[in-house]
Amino acid sequence: MLDIVYFNFNDIYGKHESLWLSSTWPIKVLMQGDIDFKGAELWYTSKAQFQIADTVMEYVQSILRMNLNKGHFVRNTDIKTSRDAIWHLHMLENAIKLD
């Protein structure tokens, strides 16, 4: 899967905007988590869960590693269900700031 995100600074509104070119619904709900600094990197870990059937839960976990000096981040997102105890890679995002 390829997930492309374009970020732009909008001078009229004075803020950054983004355009997502794929469906990333698990990422959008992973808004609360823990932040830790490891050297020049910021690590953000988060988890969420959803009921996807009457008796089936889906679990999502994400780790975002952002290099503060280079404008680069990598995020791994894994998914499993209550029927399957194994975590499966859902998405790998790799972004670089473009000037």
PDB file of N, CA and C in Angstrom:
ATOM      1  N   MET A   1       0.838  -1.180   0.000  1.00  0.00           N
ATOM      2  CA  MET A   1       0.000   0.000   0.000  1.00  0.00           C
ATOM      3  C   MET A   1       0.876   1.234   0.000  1.00  0.00           C
ATOM      4  N   LEU A   2       0.507   2.219  -0.761  1.00  0.00           N
ATOM      5  CA  LEU A   2       1.232   3.486  -0.799  1.00  0.00           C
ATOM      6  C   LEU A   2       0.292   4.575  -0.320  1.00  0.00           C
ATOM      7  N   ASP A   3       0.728   5.330   0.649  1.00  0.00           N
ATOM      8  CA  ASP A   3      -0.065   6.421   1.197  1.00  0.00           C
ATOM      9  C   ASP A   3       0.709   7.698   0.980  1.00  0.00           C
ATOM     10  N   ILE A   4       0.166   8.612   0.202  1.00  0.00           N
ATOM     11  CA  ILE A   4       0.856   9.864  -0.096  1.00  0.00           C
ATOM     12  C   ILE A   4       0.106  11.004   0.570  1.00  0.00           C
ATOM     13  N   VAL A   5       0.835  11.852   1.295  1.00  0.00           N
ATOM     14  CA  VAL A   5       0.236  13.010   1.941  1.00  0.00           C
ATOM     15  C   VAL A   5       1.005  14.243   1.483  1.00  0.00           C
ATOM     16  N   TYR A   6       0.291  15.233   1.001  1.00  0.00           N
ATOM     17  CA  TYR A   6       0.903  16.498   0.623  1.00  0.00           C
ATOM     18  C   TYR A   6       0.589  17.529   1.703  1.00  0.00           C
ATOM     19  N   PHE A   7       1.617  18.183   2.227  1.00  0.00           N
ATOM     20  CA  PHE A   7       1.447  19.239   3.214  1.00  0.00           C
ATOM     21  C   PHE A   7       1.789  20.563   2.549  1.00  0.00           C
ATOM     22  N   ASN A   8       1.032  21.584   2.854  1.00  0.00           N
ATOM     23  CA  ASN A   8       1.239  22.891   2.261  1.00  0.00           C
ATOM     24  C   ASN A   8       0.979  23.950   3.327  1.00  0.00           C
ATOM     25  N   PHE A   9       1.751  25.032   3.304  1.00  0.00           N
ATOM     26  CA  PHE A   9       1.472  26.151   4.196  1.00  0.00           C
ATOM     27  C   PHE A   9       0.594  27.143   3.453  1.00  0.00           C
ATOM     28  N   ASN A  10      -0.612  27.370   3.966  1.00  0.00           N
ATOM     29  CA  ASN A  10      -1.565  28.277   3.353  1.00  0.00           C
ATOM     30  C   ASN A  10      -1.339  29.668   3.929  1.00  0.00           C
ATOM     31  N   ASP A  11      -0.785  30.591   3.104  1.00  0.00           N
ATOM     32  CA  ASP A  11      -0.486  31.957   3.562  1.00  0.00           C
ATOM     33  C   ASP A  11      -1.744  32.740   3.910  1.00  0.00           C
ATOM     34  N   ILE A  12      -2.848  32.456   3.247  1.00  0.00           N
ATOM     35  CA  ILE A  12      -4.083  33.194   3.504  1.00  0.00           C
ATOM     36  C   ILE A  12      -4.596  32.919   4.913  1.00  0.00           C
ATOM     37  N   TYR A  13      -4.617  31.648   5.310  1.00  0.00           N
ATOM     38  CA  TYR A  13      -5.113  31.280   6.636  1.00  0.00           C
ATOM     39  C   TYR A  13      -4.005  31.160   7.677  1.00  0.00           C
ATOM     40  N   GLY A  14      -2.742  31.190   7.236  1.00  0.00           N
ATOM     41  CA  GLY A  14      -1.617  31.139   8.162  1.00  0.00           C
ATOM     42  C   GLY A  14      -1.449  29.810   8.867  1.00  0.00           C
ATOM     43  N   LYS A  15      -1.758  28.690   8.191  1.00  0.00           N
ATOM     44  CA  LYS A  15      -1.596  27.383   8.814  1.00  0.00           C
ATOM     45  C   LYS A  15      -1.296  26.322   7.751  1.00  0.00           C
ATOM     46  N   HIS A  16      -0.827  25.156   8.247  1.00  0.00           N
ATOM     47  CA  HIS A  16      -0.521  24.048   7.352  1.00  0.00           C
ATOM     48  C   HIS A  16      -1.794  23.280   7.012  1.00  0.00           C
ATOM     49  N   GLU A  17      -1.823  22.758   5.790  1.00  0.00           N
ATOM     50  CA  GLU A  17      -2.936  21.936   5.333  1.00  0.00           C
ATOM     51  C   GLU A  17      -2.361  20.625   4.821  1.00  0.00           C
ATOM     52  N   SER A  18      -3.189  19.591   4.774  1.00  0.00           N
ATOM     53  CA  SER A  18      -2.738  18.318   4.219  1.00  0.00           C
ATOM     54  C   SER A  18      -3.811  17.718   3.324  1.00  0.00           C
ATOM     55  N   LEU A  19      -3.386  16.958   2.349  1.00  0.00           N
ATOM     56  CA  LEU A  19      -4.275  16.248   1.449  1.00  0.00           C
ATOM     57  C   LEU A  19      -3.858  14.791   1.450  1.00  0.00           C
ATOM     58  N   TRP A  20      -4.765  13.896   1.882  1.00  0.00           N
ATOM     59  CA  TRP A  20      -4.473  12.471   1.954  1.00  0.00           C
ATOM     60  C   TRP A  20      -4.974  11.803   0.690  1.00  0.00           C
ATOM     61  N   LEU A  21      -4.134  10.983   0.073  1.00  0.00           N
ATOM     62  CA  LEU A  21      -4.498  10.331  -1.171  1.00  0.00           C
ATOM     63  C   LEU A  21      -4.824   8.855  -1.004  1.00  0.00           C
ATOM     64  N   SER A  22      -5.144   8.444   0.200  1.00  0.00           N
ATOM     65  CA  SER A  22      -5.586   7.064   0.413  1.00  0.00           C
ATOM     66  C   SER A  22      -6.458   7.023   1.654  1.00  0.00           C
ATOM     67  N   SER A  23      -7.069   5.883   1.877  1.00  0.00           N
ATOM     68  CA  SER A  23      -7.911   5.721   3.061  1.00  0.00           C
ATOM     69  C   SER A  23      -7.032   5.323   4.238  1.00  0.00           C
ATOM     70  N   THR A  24      -6.986   6.156   5.253  1.00  0.00           N
ATOM     71  CA  THR A  24      -6.148   5.893   6.427  1.00  0.00           C
ATOM     72  C   THR A  24      -6.991   6.005   7.686  1.00  0.00           C
ATOM     73  N   TRP A  25      -8.175   5.395   7.700  1.00  0.00           N
ATOM     74  CA  TRP A  25      -9.090   5.561   8.827  1.00  0.00           C
ATOM     75  C   TRP A  25      -8.491   5.195  10.172  1.00  0.00           C
ATOM     76  N   PRO A  26      -7.633   4.168  10.308  1.00  0.00           N
ATOM     77  CA  PRO A  26      -7.104   3.893  11.652  1.00  0.00           C
ATOM     78  C   PRO A  26      -6.221   5.018  12.174  1.00  0.00           C
ATOM     79  N   ILE A  27      -5.485   5.673  11.274  1.00  0.00           N
ATOM     80  CA  ILE A  27      -4.583   6.742  11.685  1.00  0.00           C
ATOM     81  C   ILE A  27      -5.375   7.914  12.255  1.00  0.00           C
ATOM     82  N   LYS A  28      -6.508   8.227  11.663  1.00  0.00           N
ATOM     83  CA  LYS A  28      -7.259   9.403  12.057  1.00  0.00           C
ATOM     84  C   LYS A  28      -7.848   9.296  13.452  1.00  0.00           C
ATOM     85  N   VAL A  29      -7.997   8.099  13.982  1.00  0.00           N
ATOM     86  CA  VAL A  29      -8.547   7.957  15.328  1.00  0.00           C
ATOM     87  C   VAL A  29      -7.465   7.767  16.384  1.00  0.00           C
ATOM     88  N   LEU A  30      -6.223   7.661  15.979  1.00  0.00           N
ATOM     89  CA  LEU A  30      -5.117   7.472  16.924  1.00  0.00           C
ATOM     90  C   LEU A  30      -4.605   8.840  17.383  1.00  0.00           C
ATOM     91  N   MET A  31      -5.479   9.603  17.987  1.00  0.00           N
ATOM     92  CA  MET A  31      -5.152  10.972  18.339  1.00  0.00           C
ATOM     93  C   MET A  31      -4.549  11.110  19.738  1.00  0.00           C
ATOM     94  N   GLN A  32      -4.758  10.142  20.622  1.00  0.00           N
ATOM     95  CA  GLN A  32      -4.240  10.231  21.977  1.00  0.00           C
ATOM     96  C   GLN A  32      -3.180   9.168  22.177  1.00  0.00           C
ATOM     97  N   GLY A  33      -2.061   9.571  22.748  1.00  0.00           N
ATOM     98  CA  GLY A  33      -0.991   8.614  22.974  1.00  0.00           C
ATOM     99  C   GLY A  33       0.073   9.191  23.876  1.00  0.00           C
ATOM    100  N   ASP A  34       1.243   8.575  23.848  1.00  0.00           N
ATOM    101  CA  ASP A  34       2.364   8.976  24.690  1.00  0.00           C
ATOM    102  C   ASP A  34       3.492   9.518  23.823  1.00  0.00           C
ATOM    103  N   ILE A  35       4.110  10.602  24.283  1.00  0.00           N
ATOM    104  CA  ILE A  35       5.234  11.212  23.578  1.00  0.00           C
ATOM    105  C   ILE A  35       6.492  11.014  24.402  1.00  0.00           C
ATOM    106  N   ASP A  36       7.580  10.627  23.731  1.00  0.00           N
ATOM    107  CA  ASP A  36       8.869  10.426  24.385  1.00  0.00           C
ATOM    108  C   ASP A  36       9.947  10.975  23.460  1.00  0.00           C
ATOM    109  N   PHE A  37      10.999  11.547  24.014  1.00  0.00           N
ATOM    110  CA  PHE A  37      12.122  12.032  23.223  1.00  0.00           C
ATOM    111  C   PHE A  37      13.293  11.080  23.389  1.00  0.00           C
ATOM    112  N   LYS A  38      13.840  10.623  22.272  1.00  0.00           N
ATOM    113  CA  LYS A  38      15.002   9.733  22.268  1.00  0.00           C
ATOM    114  C   LYS A  38      16.055  10.370  21.368  1.00  0.00           C
ATOM    115  N   GLY A  39      16.960  11.123  21.996  1.00  0.00           N
ATOM    116  CA  GLY A  39      17.971  11.845  21.225  1.00  0.00           C
ATOM    117  C   GLY A  39      17.305  12.928  20.391  1.00  0.00           C
ATOM    118  N   ALA A  40      17.556  12.931  19.080  1.00  0.00           N
ATOM    119  CA  ALA A  40      16.973  13.919  18.176  1.00  0.00           C
ATOM    120  C   ALA A  40      15.633  13.460  17.622  1.00  0.00           C
ATOM    121  N   GLU A  41      15.091  12.363  18.168  1.00  0.00           N
ATOM    122  CA  GLU A  41      13.827  11.840  17.672  1.00  0.00           C
ATOM    123  C   GLU A  41      12.710  12.002  18.696  1.00  0.00           C
ATOM    124  N   LEU A  42      11.527  12.308  18.191  1.00  0.00           N
ATOM    125  CA  LEU A  42      10.319  12.302  18.986  1.00  0.00           C
ATOM    126  C   LEU A  42       9.584  11.004  18.655  1.00  0.00           C
ATOM    127  N   TRP A  43       9.202  10.245  19.666  1.00  0.00           N
ATOM    128  CA  TRP A  43       8.454   8.989  19.489  1.00  0.00           C
ATOM    129  C   TRP A  43       7.051   9.206  20.023  1.00  0.00           C
ATOM    130  N   TYR A  44       6.050   8.915  19.204  1.00  0.00           N
ATOM    131  CA  TYR A  44       4.650   9.038  19.597  1.00  0.00           C
ATOM    132  C   TYR A  44       3.984   7.676  19.415  1.00  0.00           C
ATOM    133  N   THR A  45       3.508   7.082  20.517  1.00  0.00           N
ATOM    134  CA  THR A  45       2.857   5.779  20.448  1.00  0.00           C
ATOM    135  C   THR A  45       1.385   5.953  20.819  1.00  0.00           C
ATOM    136  N   SER A  46       0.524   5.246  20.096  1.00  0.00           N
ATOM    137  CA  SER A  46      -0.907   5.349  20.354  1.00  0.00           C
ATOM    138  C   SER A  46      -1.596   4.031  20.029  1.00  0.00           C
ATOM    139  N   LYS A  47      -2.787   3.848  20.618  1.00  0.00           N
ATOM    140  CA  LYS A  47      -3.570   2.630  20.420  1.00  0.00           C
ATOM    141  C   LYS A  47      -5.043   3.004  20.325  1.00  0.00           C
ATOM    142  N   ALA A  48      -5.807   2.164  19.628  1.00  0.00           N
ATOM    143  CA  ALA A  48      -7.254   2.347  19.535  1.00  0.00           C
ATOM    144  C   ALA A  48      -7.887   0.982  19.346  1.00  0.00           C
ATOM    145  N   GLN A  49      -9.179   0.906  19.585  1.00  0.00           N
ATOM    146  CA  GLN A  49      -9.904  -0.346  19.340  1.00  0.00           C
ATOM    147  C   GLN A  49     -11.300  -0.018  18.820  1.00  0.00           C
ATOM    148  N   PHE A  50     -11.835  -0.931  18.003  1.00  0.00           N
ATOM    149  CA  PHE A  50     -13.134  -0.752  17.372  1.00  0.00           C
ATOM    150  C   PHE A  50     -13.899  -2.063  17.413  1.00  0.00           C
ATOM    151  N   GLN A  51     -15.191  -1.973  17.526  1.00  0.00           N
ATOM    152  CA  GLN A  51     -16.015  -3.166  17.376  1.00  0.00           C
ATOM    153  C   GLN A  51     -16.407  -3.244  15.908  1.00  0.00           C
ATOM    154  N   ILE A  52     -16.028  -4.352  15.219  1.00  0.00           N
ATOM    155  CA  ILE A  52     -16.300  -4.465  13.784  1.00  0.00           C
ATOM    156  C   ILE A  52     -17.375  -5.495  13.477  1.00  0.00           C
ATOM    157  N   ALA A  53     -17.800  -6.248  14.465  1.00  0.00           N
ATOM    158  CA  ALA A  53     -18.918  -7.187  14.356  1.00  0.00           C
ATOM    159  C   ALA A  53     -19.467  -7.385  15.757  1.00  0.00           C
ATOM    160  N   ASP A  54     -20.565  -8.127  15.871  1.00  0.00           N
ATOM    161  CA  ASP A  54     -21.177  -8.309  17.187  1.00  0.00           C
ATOM    162  C   ASP A  54     -20.210  -8.847  18.234  1.00  0.00           C
ATOM    163  N   THR A  55     -19.324  -9.753  17.824  1.00  0.00           N
ATOM    164  CA  THR A  55     -18.411 -10.375  18.781  1.00  0.00           C
ATOM    165  C   THR A  55     -16.939 -10.193  18.423  1.00  0.00           C
ATOM    166  N   VAL A  56     -16.630  -9.325  17.467  1.00  0.00           N
ATOM    167  CA  VAL A  56     -15.247  -9.170  17.009  1.00  0.00           C
ATOM    168  C   VAL A  56     -14.773  -7.733  17.249  1.00  0.00           C
ATOM    169  N   MET A  57     -13.626  -7.618  17.905  1.00  0.00           N
ATOM    170  CA  MET A  57     -12.985  -6.319  18.115  1.00  0.00           C
ATOM    171  C   MET A  57     -11.754  -6.221  17.223  1.00  0.00           C
ATOM    172  N   GLU A  58     -11.457  -5.011  16.788  1.00  0.00           N
ATOM    173  CA  GLU A  58     -10.232  -4.756  16.030  1.00  0.00           C
ATOM    174  C   GLU A  58      -9.369  -3.823  16.865  1.00  0.00           C
ATOM    175  N   TYR A  59      -8.065  -4.128  16.937  1.00  0.00           N
ATOM    176  CA  TYR A  59      -7.113  -3.345  17.716  1.00  0.00           C
ATOM    177  C   TYR A  59      -6.074  -2.752  16.779  1.00  0.00           C
ATOM    178  N   VAL A  60      -5.752  -1.479  16.987  1.00  0.00           N
ATOM    179  CA  VAL A  60      -4.797  -0.763  16.149  1.00  0.00           C
ATOM    180  C   VAL A  60      -3.739  -0.160  17.061  1.00  0.00           C
ATOM    181  N   GLN A  61      -2.466  -0.292  16.682  1.00  0.00           N
ATOM    182  CA  GLN A  61      -1.387   0.368  17.415  1.00  0.00           C
ATOM    183  C   GLN A  61      -0.467   1.048  16.418  1.00  0.00           C
ATOM    184  N   SER A  62       0.076   2.183  16.813  1.00  0.00           N
ATOM    185  CA  SER A  62       0.896   2.973  15.909  1.00  0.00           C
ATOM    186  C   SER A  62       2.097   3.537  16.653  1.00  0.00           C
ATOM    187  N   ILE A  63       3.243   3.552  15.990  1.00  0.00           N
ATOM    188  CA  ILE A  63       4.452   4.194  16.514  1.00  0.00           C
ATOM    189  C   ILE A  63       4.951   5.173  15.453  1.00  0.00           C
ATOM    190  N   LEU A  64       5.025   6.441  15.819  1.00  0.00           N
ATOM    191  CA  LEU A  64       5.530   7.492  14.940  1.00  0.00           C
ATOM    192  C   LEU A  64       6.887   7.927  15.461  1.00  0.00           C
ATOM    193  N   ARG A  65       7.907   7.874  14.594  1.00  0.00           N
ATOM    194  CA  ARG A  65       9.251   8.335  14.939  1.00  0.00           C
ATOM    195  C   ARG A  65       9.576   9.530  14.045  1.00  0.00           C
ATOM    196  N   MET A  66       9.769  10.706  14.665  1.00  0.00           N
ATOM    197  CA  MET A  66      10.013  11.916  13.906  1.00  0.00           C
ATOM    198  C   MET A  66      11.398  12.468  14.230  1.00  0.00           C
ATOM    199  N   ASN A  67      12.226  12.617  13.206  1.00  0.00           N
ATOM    200  CA  ASN A  67      13.536  13.227  13.389  1.00  0.00           C
ATOM    201  C   ASN A  67      13.362  14.734  13.327  1.00  0.00           C
ATOM    202  N   LEU A  68      13.577  15.402  14.444  1.00  0.00           N
ATOM    203  CA  LEU A  68      13.301  16.826  14.541  1.00  0.00           C
ATOM    204  C   LEU A  68      14.293  17.679  13.768  1.00  0.00           C
ATOM    205  N   ASN A  69      15.491  17.186  13.547  1.00  0.00           N
ATOM    206  CA  ASN A  69      16.517  17.960  12.846  1.00  0.00           C
ATOM    207  C   ASN A  69      16.408  17.859  11.331  1.00  0.00           C
ATOM    208  N   LYS A  70      15.851  16.777  10.825  1.00  0.00           N
ATOM    209  CA  LYS A  70      15.839  16.529   9.386  1.00  0.00           C
ATOM    210  C   LYS A  70      14.465  16.673   8.735  1.00  0.00           C
ATOM    211  N   GLY A  71      13.421  16.936   9.514  1.00  0.00           N
ATOM    212  CA  GLY A  71      12.087  17.056   8.941  1.00  0.00           C
ATOM    213  C   GLY A  71      11.620  15.750   8.306  1.00  0.00           C
ATOM    214  N   HIS A  72      11.831  14.640   8.991  1.00  0.00           N
ATOM    215  CA  HIS A  72      11.534  13.307   8.460  1.00  0.00           C
ATOM    216  C   HIS A  72      10.776  12.504   9.497  1.00  0.00           C
ATOM    217  N   PHE A  73       9.730  11.762   9.067  1.00  0.00           N
ATOM    218  CA  PHE A  73       9.078  10.879  10.015  1.00  0.00           C
ATOM    219  C   PHE A  73       8.729   9.541   9.384  1.00  0.00           C
ATOM    220  N   VAL A  74       8.664   8.520  10.240  1.00  0.00           N
ATOM    221  CA  VAL A  74       8.266   7.165   9.858  1.00  0.00           C
ATOM    222  C   VAL A  74       7.219   6.711  10.863  1.00  0.00           C
ATOM    223  N   ARG A  75       6.113   6.152  10.359  1.00  0.00           N
ATOM    224  CA  ARG A  75       5.072   5.631  11.243  1.00  0.00           C
ATOM    225  C   ARG A  75       4.716   4.212  10.811  1.00  0.00           C
ATOM    226  N   ASN A  76       4.746   3.288  11.783  1.00  0.00           N
ATOM    227  CA  ASN A  76       4.290   1.908  11.580  1.00  0.00           C
ATOM    228  C   ASN A  76       2.938   1.769  12.249  1.00  0.00           C
ATOM    229  N   THR A  77       1.980   1.191  11.555  1.00  0.00           N
ATOM    230  CA  THR A  77       0.665   0.928  12.119  1.00  0.00           C
ATOM    231  C   THR A  77       0.355  -0.548  11.951  1.00  0.00           C
ATOM    232  N   ASP A  78      -0.004  -1.197  13.053  1.00  0.00           N
ATOM    233  CA  ASP A  78      -0.310  -2.628  13.056  1.00  0.00           C
ATOM    234  C   ASP A  78      -1.750  -2.832  13.506  1.00  0.00           C
ATOM    235  N   ILE A  79      -2.371  -3.932  13.004  1.00  0.00           N
ATOM    236  CA  ILE A  79      -3.757  -4.260  13.316  1.00  0.00           C
ATOM    237  C   ILE A  79      -3.868  -5.742  13.669  1.00  0.00           C
ATOM    238  N   LYS A  80      -4.746  -6.035  14.620  1.00  0.00           N
ATOM    239  CA  LYS A  80      -5.139  -7.418  14.906  1.00  0.00           C
ATOM    240  C   LYS A  80      -6.603  -7.407  15.325  1.00  0.00           C
ATOM    241  N   THR A  81      -7.218  -8.573  15.359  1.00  0.00           N
ATOM    242  CA  THR A  81      -8.600  -8.674  15.821  1.00  0.00           C
ATOM    243  C   THR A  81      -8.661  -9.598  17.026  1.00  0.00           C
ATOM    244  N   SER A  82      -9.817  -9.631  17.661  1.00  0.00           N
ATOM    245  CA  SER A  82      -9.992 -10.516  18.807  1.00  0.00           C
ATOM    246  C   SER A  82     -10.013 -11.982  18.372  1.00  0.00           C
ATOM    247  N   ARG A  83     -10.136 -12.249  17.094  1.00  0.00           N
ATOM    248  CA  ARG A  83     -10.085 -13.620  16.578  1.00  0.00           C
ATOM    249  C   ARG A  83      -8.671 -14.067  16.238  1.00  0.00           C
ATOM    250  N   ASP A  84      -7.735 -13.104  16.178  1.00  0.00           N
ATOM    251  CA  ASP A  84      -6.371 -13.391  15.752  1.00  0.00           C
ATOM    252  C   ASP A  84      -5.416 -12.663  16.697  1.00  0.00           C
ATOM    253  N   ALA A  85      -4.590 -13.385  17.408  1.00  0.00           N
ATOM    254  CA  ALA A  85      -3.695 -12.775  18.405  1.00  0.00           C
ATOM    255  C   ALA A  85      -2.423 -12.193  17.793  1.00  0.00           C
ATOM    256  N   ILE A  86      -2.241 -12.313  16.496  1.00  0.00           N
ATOM    257  CA  ILE A  86      -1.011 -11.866  15.828  1.00  0.00           C
ATOM    258  C   ILE A  86      -1.210 -10.465  15.252  1.00  0.00           C
ATOM    259  N   TRP A  87      -0.246  -9.582  15.534  1.00  0.00           N
ATOM    260  CA  TRP A  87      -0.272  -8.246  14.947  1.00  0.00           C
ATOM    261  C   TRP A  87       0.160  -8.333  13.489  1.00  0.00           C
ATOM    262  N   HIS A  88      -0.552  -7.604  12.606  1.00  0.00           N
ATOM    263  CA  HIS A  88      -0.247  -7.580  11.176  1.00  0.00           C
ATOM    264  C   HIS A  88       0.054  -6.137  10.769  1.00  0.00           C
ATOM    265  N   LEU A  89       1.079  -5.958   9.944  1.00  0.00           N
ATOM    266  CA  LEU A  89       1.409  -4.622   9.450  1.00  0.00           C
ATOM    267  C   LEU A  89       0.272  -4.115   8.581  1.00  0.00           C
ATOM    268  N   HIS A  90      -0.267  -2.984   8.944  1.00  0.00           N
ATOM    269  CA  HIS A  90      -1.338  -2.359   8.161  1.00  0.00           C
ATOM    270  C   HIS A  90      -0.761  -1.304   7.225  1.00  0.00           C
ATOM    271  N   MET A  91       0.158  -0.486   7.755  1.00  0.00           N
ATOM    272  CA  MET A  91       0.658   0.621   6.959  1.00  0.00           C
ATOM    273  C   MET A  91       2.028   1.058   7.455  1.00  0.00           C
ATOM    274  N   LEU A  92       2.876   1.450   6.525  1.00  0.00           N
ATOM    275  CA  LEU A  92       4.168   2.061   6.834  1.00  0.00           C
ATOM    276  C   LEU A  92       4.197   3.392   6.107  1.00  0.00           C
ATOM    277  N   GLU A  93       4.301   4.473   6.863  1.00  0.00           N
ATOM    278  CA  GLU A  93       4.379   5.812   6.274  1.00  0.00           C
ATOM    279  C   GLU A  93       5.803   6.324   6.427  1.00  0.00           C
ATOM    280  N   ASN A  94       6.315   6.933   5.383  1.00  0.00           N
ATOM    281  CA  ASN A  94       7.656   7.497   5.380  1.00  0.00           C
ATOM    282  C   ASN A  94       7.564   8.849   4.705  1.00  0.00           C
ATOM    283  N   ALA A  95       7.743   9.934   5.461  1.00  0.00           N
ATOM    284  CA  ALA A  95       7.558  11.272   4.917  1.00  0.00           C
ATOM    285  C   ALA A  95       8.791  12.118   5.146  1.00  0.00           C
ATOM    286  N   ILE A  96       9.082  12.982   4.181  1.00  0.00           N
ATOM    287  CA  ILE A  96      10.211  13.906   4.250  1.00  0.00           C
ATOM    288  C   ILE A  96       9.685  15.309   3.943  1.00  0.00           C
ATOM    289  N   LYS A  97      10.103  16.276   4.738  1.00  0.00           N
ATOM    290  CA  LYS A  97       9.690  17.660   4.510  1.00  0.00           C
ATOM    291  C   LYS A  97      10.355  18.191   3.254  1.00  0.00           C
ATOM    292  N   LEU A  98       9.538  18.766   2.381  1.00  0.00           N
ATOM    293  CA  LEU A  98      10.044  19.395   1.170  1.00  0.00           C
ATOM    294  C   LEU A  98       9.912  20.911   1.313  1.00  0.00           C
ATOM    295  N   ASP A  99      10.971  21.635   0.999  1.00  0.00           N
ATOM    296  CA  ASP A  99      10.903  23.093   1.095  1.00  0.00           C
ATOM    297  C   ASP A  99      10.442  23.684  -0.207  1.00  0.00           C
TER     298      ASP A  99
END
